[in-house]
Amino acid sequence: MAKVALETKKLMVKEVISRFNNAETLIVTRYKGLNAQDINELRKELKRMAAEYIVVKDSIAKQALKDGVNNRIAELIQGEVGIVVYRKDPSVIAKALVKFSKNHEPLKICGGVASGAMLSNQDIVAMALLPSREVLLAKLANVLNSPIQGLACSLNGIICKLLYALNAIKDKGGV
C-alpha cells in the first residue's frame, strides 16, 4: 500500500511540474477561510482568462517547485495555498486576483513569479492598477503617430494657404 501511495505522489509531483513549467506566470495565494463555492467561483473567473487555480498539498508543491524551473517561489509555499498558473500577460491575472480578494477577504496574495522575475504582493497589486497591455500598446501607437500626424497637418495647412491665396487672386480678377 505504501508503494502505491509513493507512486501516486510521484505522479502528482510530475503533473504539477509540467503545469508549472508551461506557465509564464505563477502567483501564490492563501485561501484559508474561503469555502469551496468561493474557490470554484475564482476558478471559473480565472478559467475565462485561460488561467488555472491549483490547490495542491504544500509538500507536493514544494517538491514540484524544487524540481522545476520556478523554484524561487518555493519559500512562499506555507500552509494552505493555491497557485495561479498563467501563460500570458500577468497584469490580467493580477487585476482579477486583486478584484476577487477585495470581495473575498480571506484570499491573500503572497507573491509570485512572472517571466522569470520575482513579484511581491505589492508588485502584484501595483500591476493590477496598470492599464491592460492592449491599452498601453494603443497609447504607445498614439504617441508614435502624433509627430507624423502633426507634420501631415502642417503640410496640409501650407497647401491650403497657397490655395486660398490663389483663389483670392482669382476672385479679384488678377489672373
N, C-alpha and C. Protein backbone atom coordinates (compact mmCIF):
# COMPACT_ATOMS: atom_id res chain seq x y z
N MET A 1 0.82 -1.20 0.00
CA MET A 1 0.00 0.00 0.00
C MET A 1 0.87 1.26 0.00
N ALA A 2 1.95 1.24 0.77
CA ALA A 2 2.84 2.41 0.83
C ALA A 2 3.49 2.66 -0.52
N LYS A 3 3.76 1.58 -1.26
CA LYS A 3 4.37 1.71 -2.57
C LYS A 3 3.43 2.44 -3.54
N VAL A 4 2.14 2.12 -3.45
CA VAL A 4 1.14 2.75 -4.31
C VAL A 4 1.04 4.24 -3.97
N ALA A 5 1.04 4.55 -2.68
CA ALA A 5 0.95 5.94 -2.25
C ALA A 5 2.18 6.73 -2.73
N LEU A 6 3.34 6.15 -2.65
CA LEU A 6 4.56 6.81 -3.09
C LEU A 6 4.53 7.05 -4.60
N GLU A 7 4.08 6.06 -5.36
CA GLU A 7 3.97 6.22 -6.82
C GLU A 7 2.94 7.29 -7.17
N THR A 8 1.85 7.33 -6.43
CA THR A 8 0.82 8.35 -6.65
C THR A 8 1.38 9.74 -6.41
N LYS A 9 2.13 9.89 -5.33
CA LYS A 9 2.75 11.19 -5.04
C LYS A 9 3.73 11.59 -6.14
N LYS A 10 4.52 10.63 -6.62
CA LYS A 10 5.47 10.93 -7.69
C LYS A 10 4.74 11.39 -8.95
N LEU A 11 3.62 10.73 -9.27
CA LEU A 11 2.83 11.14 -10.44
C LEU A 11 2.23 12.53 -10.24
N MET A 12 1.77 12.82 -9.02
CA MET A 12 1.21 14.13 -8.73
C MET A 12 2.28 15.21 -8.88
N VAL A 13 3.48 14.95 -8.35
CA VAL A 13 4.57 15.92 -8.47
C VAL A 13 4.92 16.12 -9.93
N LYS A 14 4.95 15.06 -10.72
CA LYS A 14 5.26 15.15 -12.14
C LYS A 14 4.22 16.00 -12.87
N GLU A 15 2.95 15.81 -12.55
CA GLU A 15 1.87 16.59 -13.17
C GLU A 15 1.97 18.06 -12.79
N VAL A 16 2.23 18.34 -11.53
CA VAL A 16 2.36 19.73 -11.08
C VAL A 16 3.58 20.38 -11.72
N ILE A 17 4.68 19.67 -11.84
CA ILE A 17 5.88 20.19 -12.51
C ILE A 17 5.56 20.58 -13.95
N SER A 18 4.83 19.73 -14.66
CA SER A 18 4.52 20.03 -16.06
C SER A 18 3.64 21.27 -16.16
N ARG A 19 2.71 21.44 -15.25
CA ARG A 19 1.86 22.64 -15.28
C ARG A 19 2.67 23.89 -14.94
N PHE A 20 3.53 23.80 -13.94
CA PHE A 20 4.34 24.95 -13.54
C PHE A 20 5.34 25.33 -14.63
N ASN A 21 5.96 24.35 -15.27
CA ASN A 21 6.97 24.64 -16.28
C ASN A 21 6.39 25.24 -17.55
N ASN A 22 5.11 24.97 -17.83
CA ASN A 22 4.46 25.52 -19.00
C ASN A 22 3.94 26.94 -18.76
N ALA A 23 4.06 27.43 -17.54
CA ALA A 23 3.49 28.73 -17.19
C ALA A 23 4.55 29.83 -17.27
N GLU A 24 4.12 30.98 -17.71
CA GLU A 24 4.98 32.17 -17.68
C GLU A 24 4.79 32.90 -16.35
N THR A 25 3.60 32.76 -15.78
CA THR A 25 3.27 33.45 -14.53
C THR A 25 2.74 32.45 -13.51
N LEU A 26 3.29 32.52 -12.31
CA LEU A 26 2.77 31.75 -11.17
C LEU A 26 2.55 32.74 -10.03
N ILE A 27 1.34 32.73 -9.47
CA ILE A 27 1.04 33.61 -8.34
C ILE A 27 0.51 32.74 -7.21
N VAL A 28 1.13 32.89 -6.05
CA VAL A 28 0.78 32.10 -4.88
C VAL A 28 -0.20 32.89 -4.02
N THR A 29 -1.29 32.22 -3.61
CA THR A 29 -2.29 32.84 -2.74
C THR A 29 -2.57 31.92 -1.55
N ARG A 30 -3.03 32.52 -0.48
CA ARG A 30 -3.52 31.76 0.66
C ARG A 30 -5.04 31.85 0.65
N TYR A 31 -5.68 30.72 0.69
CA TYR A 31 -7.13 30.68 0.57
C TYR A 31 -7.84 30.29 1.87
N LYS A 32 -7.11 30.15 2.96
CA LYS A 32 -7.71 29.70 4.21
C LYS A 32 -8.85 30.64 4.60
N GLY A 33 -10.02 30.08 4.80
CA GLY A 33 -11.20 30.85 5.15
C GLY A 33 -12.20 30.93 4.00
N LEU A 34 -11.77 30.60 2.80
CA LEU A 34 -12.70 30.56 1.67
C LEU A 34 -13.40 29.22 1.65
N ASN A 35 -14.67 29.23 1.32
CA ASN A 35 -15.37 27.96 1.19
C ASN A 35 -15.21 27.43 -0.24
N ALA A 36 -15.66 26.22 -0.47
CA ALA A 36 -15.48 25.58 -1.78
C ALA A 36 -16.20 26.35 -2.87
N GLN A 37 -17.33 26.94 -2.56
CA GLN A 37 -18.08 27.71 -3.55
C GLN A 37 -17.28 28.94 -4.01
N ASP A 38 -16.62 29.62 -3.07
CA ASP A 38 -15.80 30.78 -3.42
C ASP A 38 -14.60 30.38 -4.27
N ILE A 39 -13.96 29.27 -3.93
CA ILE A 39 -12.81 28.79 -4.70
C ILE A 39 -13.25 28.41 -6.11
N ASN A 40 -14.41 27.78 -6.23
CA ASN A 40 -14.92 27.43 -7.56
C ASN A 40 -15.25 28.68 -8.37
N GLU A 41 -15.76 29.71 -7.70
CA GLU A 41 -16.05 30.98 -8.37
C GLU A 41 -14.75 31.60 -8.91
N LEU A 42 -13.69 31.55 -8.08
CA LEU A 42 -12.38 32.06 -8.52
C LEU A 42 -11.85 31.24 -9.69
N ARG A 43 -11.99 29.94 -9.62
CA ARG A 43 -11.52 29.08 -10.70
C ARG A 43 -12.24 29.38 -12.01
N LYS A 44 -13.56 29.60 -11.92
CA LYS A 44 -14.33 29.91 -13.14
C LYS A 44 -13.88 31.23 -13.74
N GLU A 45 -13.66 32.22 -12.90
CA GLU A 45 -13.22 33.51 -13.39
C GLU A 45 -11.84 33.42 -14.04
N LEU A 46 -10.94 32.68 -13.42
CA LEU A 46 -9.60 32.52 -13.99
C LEU A 46 -9.62 31.67 -15.25
N LYS A 47 -10.51 30.70 -15.30
CA LYS A 47 -10.61 29.84 -16.48
C LYS A 47 -11.05 30.65 -17.70
N ARG A 48 -11.91 31.67 -17.48
CA ARG A 48 -12.32 32.54 -18.59
C ARG A 48 -11.13 33.29 -19.19
N MET A 49 -10.08 33.44 -18.40
CA MET A 49 -8.87 34.13 -18.85
C MET A 49 -7.78 33.16 -19.27
N ALA A 50 -8.11 31.90 -19.39
CA ALA A 50 -7.18 30.84 -19.78
C ALA A 50 -6.11 30.61 -18.71
N ALA A 51 -6.47 30.80 -17.46
CA ALA A 51 -5.58 30.51 -16.34
C ALA A 51 -6.22 29.40 -15.51
N GLU A 52 -5.42 28.81 -14.64
CA GLU A 52 -5.99 27.81 -13.75
C GLU A 52 -5.51 28.04 -12.32
N TYR A 53 -6.37 27.65 -11.38
CA TYR A 53 -6.07 27.81 -9.96
C TYR A 53 -5.89 26.42 -9.39
N ILE A 54 -4.66 26.13 -8.98
CA ILE A 54 -4.33 24.80 -8.48
C ILE A 54 -4.21 24.84 -6.97
N VAL A 55 -5.00 24.03 -6.31
CA VAL A 55 -4.86 23.84 -4.86
C VAL A 55 -4.19 22.48 -4.69
N VAL A 56 -2.99 22.53 -4.12
CA VAL A 56 -2.20 21.31 -4.01
C VAL A 56 -1.53 21.30 -2.63
N LYS A 57 -1.31 20.12 -2.13
CA LYS A 57 -0.65 19.97 -0.83
C LYS A 57 0.71 20.66 -0.87
N ASP A 58 1.06 21.36 0.22
CA ASP A 58 2.28 22.16 0.23
C ASP A 58 3.54 21.33 0.00
N SER A 59 3.59 20.12 0.51
CA SER A 59 4.79 19.30 0.32
C SER A 59 4.96 18.92 -1.16
N ILE A 60 3.85 18.66 -1.84
CA ILE A 60 3.92 18.32 -3.26
C ILE A 60 4.31 19.56 -4.07
N ALA A 61 3.74 20.71 -3.72
CA ALA A 61 4.07 21.95 -4.42
C ALA A 61 5.55 22.30 -4.24
N LYS A 62 6.05 22.17 -3.02
CA LYS A 62 7.47 22.46 -2.77
C LYS A 62 8.38 21.52 -3.55
N GLN A 63 8.01 20.25 -3.58
CA GLN A 63 8.80 19.27 -4.33
C GLN A 63 8.78 19.59 -5.82
N ALA A 64 7.60 19.96 -6.33
CA ALA A 64 7.48 20.30 -7.75
C ALA A 64 8.28 21.56 -8.07
N LEU A 65 8.25 22.54 -7.19
CA LEU A 65 8.99 23.77 -7.42
C LEU A 65 10.49 23.54 -7.31
N LYS A 66 10.88 22.66 -6.40
CA LYS A 66 12.30 22.35 -6.24
C LYS A 66 12.86 21.68 -7.48
N ASP A 67 12.06 20.80 -8.07
CA ASP A 67 12.49 20.07 -9.25
C ASP A 67 12.28 20.84 -10.54
N GLY A 68 11.44 21.87 -10.51
CA GLY A 68 11.09 22.60 -11.73
C GLY A 68 11.91 23.85 -11.92
N VAL A 69 11.50 24.66 -12.91
CA VAL A 69 12.24 25.87 -13.25
C VAL A 69 11.85 27.06 -12.38
N ASN A 70 10.72 27.01 -11.72
CA ASN A 70 10.24 28.14 -10.93
C ASN A 70 10.49 27.91 -9.43
N ASN A 71 11.69 27.48 -9.09
CA ASN A 71 11.98 27.12 -7.71
C ASN A 71 12.13 28.31 -6.78
N ARG A 72 12.14 29.54 -7.30
CA ARG A 72 12.34 30.71 -6.45
C ARG A 72 11.13 31.06 -5.60
N ILE A 73 9.96 30.56 -5.95
CA ILE A 73 8.78 30.90 -5.14
C ILE A 73 8.46 29.83 -4.11
N ALA A 74 9.34 28.86 -3.96
CA ALA A 74 9.09 27.78 -3.00
C ALA A 74 8.95 28.30 -1.58
N GLU A 75 9.66 29.41 -1.24
CA GLU A 75 9.55 29.94 0.12
C GLU A 75 8.19 30.57 0.40
N LEU A 76 7.41 30.85 -0.64
CA LEU A 76 6.06 31.39 -0.45
C LEU A 76 5.04 30.31 -0.10
N ILE A 77 5.42 29.06 -0.33
CA ILE A 77 4.52 27.94 -0.07
C ILE A 77 4.57 27.61 1.41
N GLN A 78 3.56 28.03 2.14
CA GLN A 78 3.45 27.73 3.58
C GLN A 78 1.98 27.54 3.91
N GLY A 79 1.63 26.36 4.33
CA GLY A 79 0.25 26.09 4.71
C GLY A 79 -0.64 25.88 3.49
N GLU A 80 -1.89 26.31 3.64
CA GLU A 80 -2.88 26.11 2.58
C GLU A 80 -2.72 27.18 1.51
N VAL A 81 -2.22 26.77 0.36
CA VAL A 81 -2.00 27.73 -0.72
C VAL A 81 -2.66 27.24 -2.00
N GLY A 82 -3.01 28.21 -2.82
CA GLY A 82 -3.48 27.96 -4.17
C GLY A 82 -2.54 28.70 -5.10
N ILE A 83 -2.25 28.12 -6.23
CA ILE A 83 -1.30 28.72 -7.17
C ILE A 83 -2.01 28.96 -8.49
N VAL A 84 -1.91 30.21 -8.95
CA VAL A 84 -2.47 30.57 -10.25
C VAL A 84 -1.41 30.32 -11.31
N VAL A 85 -1.77 29.57 -12.33
CA VAL A 85 -0.87 29.23 -13.42
C VAL A 85 -1.40 29.92 -14.67
N TYR A 86 -0.56 30.77 -15.29
CA TYR A 86 -1.00 31.54 -16.46
C TYR A 86 0.14 31.61 -17.47
N ARG A 87 -0.19 31.66 -18.74
CA ARG A 87 0.81 31.61 -19.79
C ARG A 87 1.01 32.93 -20.53
N LYS A 88 0.29 33.98 -20.13
CA LYS A 88 0.36 35.23 -20.89
C LYS A 88 0.66 36.40 -19.97
N ASP A 89 0.13 37.56 -20.31
CA ASP A 89 0.34 38.83 -19.62
C ASP A 89 -0.10 38.74 -18.14
N PRO A 90 0.81 38.93 -17.19
CA PRO A 90 0.46 38.78 -15.78
C PRO A 90 -0.46 39.86 -15.24
N SER A 91 -0.56 41.01 -15.89
CA SER A 91 -1.40 42.08 -15.36
C SER A 91 -2.88 41.70 -15.39
N VAL A 92 -3.28 40.89 -16.35
CA VAL A 92 -4.67 40.45 -16.44
C VAL A 92 -5.04 39.63 -15.21
N ILE A 93 -4.17 38.71 -14.85
CA ILE A 93 -4.42 37.87 -13.69
C ILE A 93 -4.34 38.68 -12.40
N ALA A 94 -3.39 39.61 -12.35
CA ALA A 94 -3.26 40.46 -11.16
C ALA A 94 -4.55 41.24 -10.91
N LYS A 95 -5.13 41.79 -11.97
CA LYS A 95 -6.40 42.53 -11.84
C LYS A 95 -7.50 41.63 -11.29
N ALA A 96 -7.60 40.43 -11.85
CA ALA A 96 -8.65 39.50 -11.42
C ALA A 96 -8.47 39.09 -9.96
N LEU A 97 -7.22 38.79 -9.56
CA LEU A 97 -6.98 38.37 -8.18
C LEU A 97 -7.23 39.49 -7.18
N VAL A 98 -6.77 40.70 -7.51
CA VAL A 98 -6.98 41.83 -6.60
C VAL A 98 -8.46 42.13 -6.45
N LYS A 99 -9.18 42.09 -7.56
CA LYS A 99 -10.63 42.33 -7.51
C LYS A 99 -11.33 41.26 -6.67
N PHE A 100 -10.95 40.01 -6.89
CA PHE A 100 -11.56 38.91 -6.13
C PHE A 100 -11.22 39.01 -4.65
N SER A 101 -9.98 39.38 -4.34
CA SER A 101 -9.57 39.46 -2.93
C SER A 101 -10.26 40.62 -2.20
N LYS A 102 -10.64 41.67 -2.93
CA LYS A 102 -11.38 42.76 -2.29
C LYS A 102 -12.78 42.31 -1.89
N ASN A 103 -13.38 41.44 -2.71
CA ASN A 103 -14.72 40.93 -2.41
C ASN A 103 -14.70 39.74 -1.47
N HIS A 104 -13.57 39.08 -1.36
CA HIS A 104 -13.44 37.89 -0.50
C HIS A 104 -12.19 38.08 0.36
N GLU A 105 -12.40 38.62 1.53
CA GLU A 105 -11.30 38.98 2.45
C GLU A 105 -10.31 37.86 2.75
N PRO A 106 -10.75 36.60 2.92
CA PRO A 106 -9.78 35.56 3.30
C PRO A 106 -8.68 35.29 2.26
N LEU A 107 -8.93 35.61 0.98
CA LEU A 107 -7.91 35.34 -0.04
C LEU A 107 -6.79 36.36 0.10
N LYS A 108 -5.58 35.87 0.29
CA LYS A 108 -4.40 36.72 0.44
C LYS A 108 -3.43 36.40 -0.68
N ILE A 109 -2.96 37.43 -1.37
CA ILE A 109 -1.97 37.26 -2.43
C ILE A 109 -0.59 37.31 -1.78
N CYS A 110 0.19 36.26 -1.96
CA CYS A 110 1.51 36.17 -1.31
C CYS A 110 2.63 36.72 -2.19
N GLY A 111 2.57 36.43 -3.46
CA GLY A 111 3.63 36.82 -4.39
C GLY A 111 3.66 35.86 -5.54
N GLY A 112 4.71 35.94 -6.32
CA GLY A 112 4.79 35.03 -7.44
C GLY A 112 6.00 35.29 -8.30
N VAL A 113 5.92 34.76 -9.49
CA VAL A 113 6.99 34.94 -10.48
C VAL A 113 6.33 35.14 -11.84
N ALA A 114 6.84 36.11 -12.61
CA ALA A 114 6.33 36.37 -13.95
C ALA A 114 7.51 36.62 -14.88
N SER A 115 7.60 35.87 -15.93
CA SER A 115 8.69 35.99 -16.91
C SER A 115 10.05 35.92 -16.23
N GLY A 116 10.17 35.08 -15.22
CA GLY A 116 11.43 34.89 -14.53
C GLY A 116 11.73 35.89 -13.43
N ALA A 117 10.89 36.90 -13.25
CA ALA A 117 11.11 37.93 -12.22
C ALA A 117 10.21 37.66 -11.02
N MET A 118 10.79 37.78 -9.85
CA MET A 118 10.02 37.61 -8.62
C MET A 118 9.07 38.79 -8.43
N LEU A 119 7.87 38.49 -7.96
CA LEU A 119 6.86 39.52 -7.68
C LEU A 119 6.45 39.42 -6.22
N SER A 120 6.44 40.56 -5.55
CA SER A 120 5.93 40.59 -4.18
C SER A 120 4.43 40.88 -4.25
N ASN A 121 3.78 40.83 -3.10
CA ASN A 121 2.36 41.17 -3.01
C ASN A 121 2.13 42.58 -3.53
N GLN A 122 3.00 43.53 -3.14
CA GLN A 122 2.85 44.92 -3.56
C GLN A 122 3.03 45.05 -5.08
N ASP A 123 3.93 44.27 -5.65
CA ASP A 123 4.14 44.29 -7.11
C ASP A 123 2.87 43.86 -7.84
N ILE A 124 2.23 42.84 -7.33
CA ILE A 124 1.02 42.32 -7.97
C ILE A 124 -0.12 43.32 -7.86
N VAL A 125 -0.26 43.96 -6.69
CA VAL A 125 -1.29 44.98 -6.52
C VAL A 125 -1.01 46.18 -7.43
N ALA A 126 0.25 46.59 -7.53
CA ALA A 126 0.61 47.70 -8.41
C ALA A 126 0.35 47.34 -9.88
N MET A 127 0.63 46.10 -10.24
CA MET A 127 0.39 45.64 -11.60
C MET A 127 -1.10 45.66 -11.94
N ALA A 128 -1.93 45.39 -10.93
CA ALA A 128 -3.37 45.40 -11.14
C ALA A 128 -3.89 46.81 -11.42
N LEU A 129 -3.18 47.82 -10.94
CA LEU A 129 -3.60 49.21 -11.16
C LEU A 129 -3.23 49.72 -12.55
N LEU A 130 -2.30 49.05 -13.21
CA LEU A 130 -1.87 49.46 -14.55
C LEU A 130 -2.94 49.15 -15.58
N PRO A 131 -2.99 49.93 -16.66
CA PRO A 131 -3.89 49.57 -17.76
C PRO A 131 -3.44 48.26 -18.39
N SER A 132 -4.35 47.65 -19.13
CA SER A 132 -4.01 46.38 -19.77
C SER A 132 -2.96 46.58 -20.86
N ARG A 133 -2.39 45.51 -21.32
CA ARG A 133 -1.35 45.56 -22.34
C ARG A 133 -1.86 46.21 -23.62
N GLU A 134 -3.09 45.88 -23.99
CA GLU A 134 -3.67 46.43 -25.21
C GLU A 134 -3.82 47.94 -25.11
N VAL A 135 -4.25 48.43 -23.95
CA VAL A 135 -4.41 49.88 -23.76
C VAL A 135 -3.05 50.56 -23.82
N LEU A 136 -2.05 49.99 -23.19
CA LEU A 136 -0.71 50.57 -23.23
C LEU A 136 -0.14 50.59 -24.65
N LEU A 137 -0.38 49.53 -25.41
CA LEU A 137 0.08 49.50 -26.80
C LEU A 137 -0.64 50.55 -27.64
N ALA A 138 -1.93 50.75 -27.38
CA ALA A 138 -2.69 51.77 -28.11
C ALA A 138 -2.16 53.16 -27.78
N LYS A 139 -1.84 53.40 -26.52
CA LYS A 139 -1.28 54.70 -26.13
C LYS A 139 0.09 54.92 -26.79
N LEU A 140 0.90 53.88 -26.82
CA LEU A 140 2.21 53.97 -27.47
C LEU A 140 2.06 54.27 -28.97
N ALA A 141 1.13 53.60 -29.61
CA ALA A 141 0.89 53.84 -31.04
C ALA A 141 0.44 55.28 -31.27
N ASN A 142 -0.39 55.79 -30.36
CA ASN A 142 -0.85 57.18 -30.47
C ASN A 142 0.31 58.15 -30.32
N VAL A 143 1.19 57.89 -29.36
CA VAL A 143 2.35 58.76 -29.15
C VAL A 143 3.28 58.72 -30.36
N LEU A 144 3.49 57.55 -30.92
CA LEU A 144 4.35 57.42 -32.10
C LEU A 144 3.72 58.05 -33.34
N ASN A 145 2.40 58.02 -33.41
CA ASN A 145 1.68 58.56 -34.56
C ASN A 145 1.56 60.08 -34.49
N SER A 146 1.62 60.66 -33.32
CA SER A 146 1.38 62.09 -33.13
C SER A 146 2.32 62.99 -33.93
N PRO A 147 3.63 62.81 -33.92
CA PRO A 147 4.50 63.68 -34.71
C PRO A 147 4.22 63.60 -36.21
N ILE A 148 3.97 62.41 -36.69
CA ILE A 148 3.69 62.23 -38.11
C ILE A 148 2.38 62.93 -38.48
N GLN A 149 1.40 62.79 -37.61
CA GLN A 149 0.10 63.43 -37.84
C GLN A 149 0.26 64.95 -37.82
N GLY A 150 1.07 65.47 -36.90
CA GLY A 150 1.32 66.91 -36.83
C GLY A 150 1.99 67.42 -38.09
N LEU A 151 2.96 66.67 -38.61
CA LEU A 151 3.64 67.05 -39.85
C LEU A 151 2.66 67.06 -41.01
N ALA A 152 1.81 66.06 -41.09
CA ALA A 152 0.82 65.99 -42.18
C ALA A 152 -0.14 67.18 -42.11
N CYS A 153 -0.57 67.55 -40.91
CA CYS A 153 -1.47 68.70 -40.75
C CYS A 153 -0.75 70.00 -41.15
N SER A 154 0.51 70.14 -40.77
CA SER A 154 1.27 71.35 -41.12
C SER A 154 1.43 71.47 -42.63
N LEU A 155 1.81 70.38 -43.28
CA LEU A 155 1.96 70.39 -44.73
C LEU A 155 0.62 70.67 -45.42
N ASN A 156 -0.44 70.11 -44.88
CA ASN A 156 -1.76 70.36 -45.42
C ASN A 156 -2.14 71.83 -45.26
N GLY A 157 -1.77 72.43 -44.12
CA GLY A 157 -2.05 73.85 -43.88
C GLY A 157 -1.34 74.74 -44.89
N ILE A 158 -0.09 74.42 -45.20
CA ILE A 158 0.67 75.22 -46.18
C ILE A 158 0.01 75.14 -47.55
N ILE A 159 -0.40 73.97 -47.95
CA ILE A 159 -1.05 73.79 -49.25
C ILE A 159 -2.39 74.54 -49.28
N CYS A 160 -3.14 74.47 -48.17
CA CYS A 160 -4.43 75.17 -48.10
C CYS A 160 -4.24 76.69 -48.19
N LYS A 161 -3.22 77.22 -47.50
CA LYS A 161 -2.97 78.67 -47.56
C LYS A 161 -2.61 79.09 -48.97
N LEU A 162 -1.84 78.29 -49.66
CA LEU A 162 -1.50 78.59 -51.05
C LEU A 162 -2.75 78.59 -51.91
N LEU A 163 -3.60 77.61 -51.70
CA LEU A 163 -4.84 77.51 -52.44
C LEU A 163 -5.74 78.72 -52.16
N TYR A 164 -5.85 79.13 -50.88
CA TYR A 164 -6.66 80.30 -50.52
C TYR A 164 -6.11 81.57 -51.19
N ALA A 165 -4.79 81.70 -51.22
CA ALA A 165 -4.16 82.88 -51.84
C ALA A 165 -4.46 82.91 -53.33
N LEU A 166 -4.35 81.76 -54.00
CA LEU A 166 -4.64 81.69 -55.42
C LEU A 166 -6.11 81.97 -55.72
N ASN A 167 -6.98 81.48 -54.87
CA ASN A 167 -8.42 81.74 -55.02
C ASN A 167 -8.74 83.23 -54.81
N ALA A 168 -8.06 83.86 -53.87
CA ALA A 168 -8.27 85.29 -53.62
C ALA A 168 -7.81 86.11 -54.82
N ILE A 169 -6.69 85.74 -55.39
CA ILE A 169 -6.17 86.45 -56.58
C ILE A 169 -7.14 86.24 -57.74
N LYS A 170 -7.66 85.04 -57.89
CA LYS A 170 -8.62 84.74 -58.97
C LYS A 170 -9.90 85.54 -58.79
N ASP A 171 -10.38 85.65 -57.54
CA ASP A 171 -11.61 86.39 -57.26
C ASP A 171 -11.45 87.89 -57.54
N LYS A 172 -10.28 88.43 -57.31
CA LYS A 172 -10.02 89.85 -57.60
C LYS A 172 -9.88 90.08 -59.09
N GLY A 173 -9.69 89.01 -59.81
CA GLY A 173 -9.57 89.14 -61.25
C GLY A 173 -8.16 89.42 -61.72
N GLY A 174 -7.21 89.16 -60.86
CA GLY A 174 -5.81 89.44 -61.19
C GLY A 174 -5.22 88.42 -62.14
N VAL A 175 -5.74 87.24 -62.20
CA VAL A 175 -5.12 86.23 -63.07
C VAL A 175 -6.10 85.80 -64.13
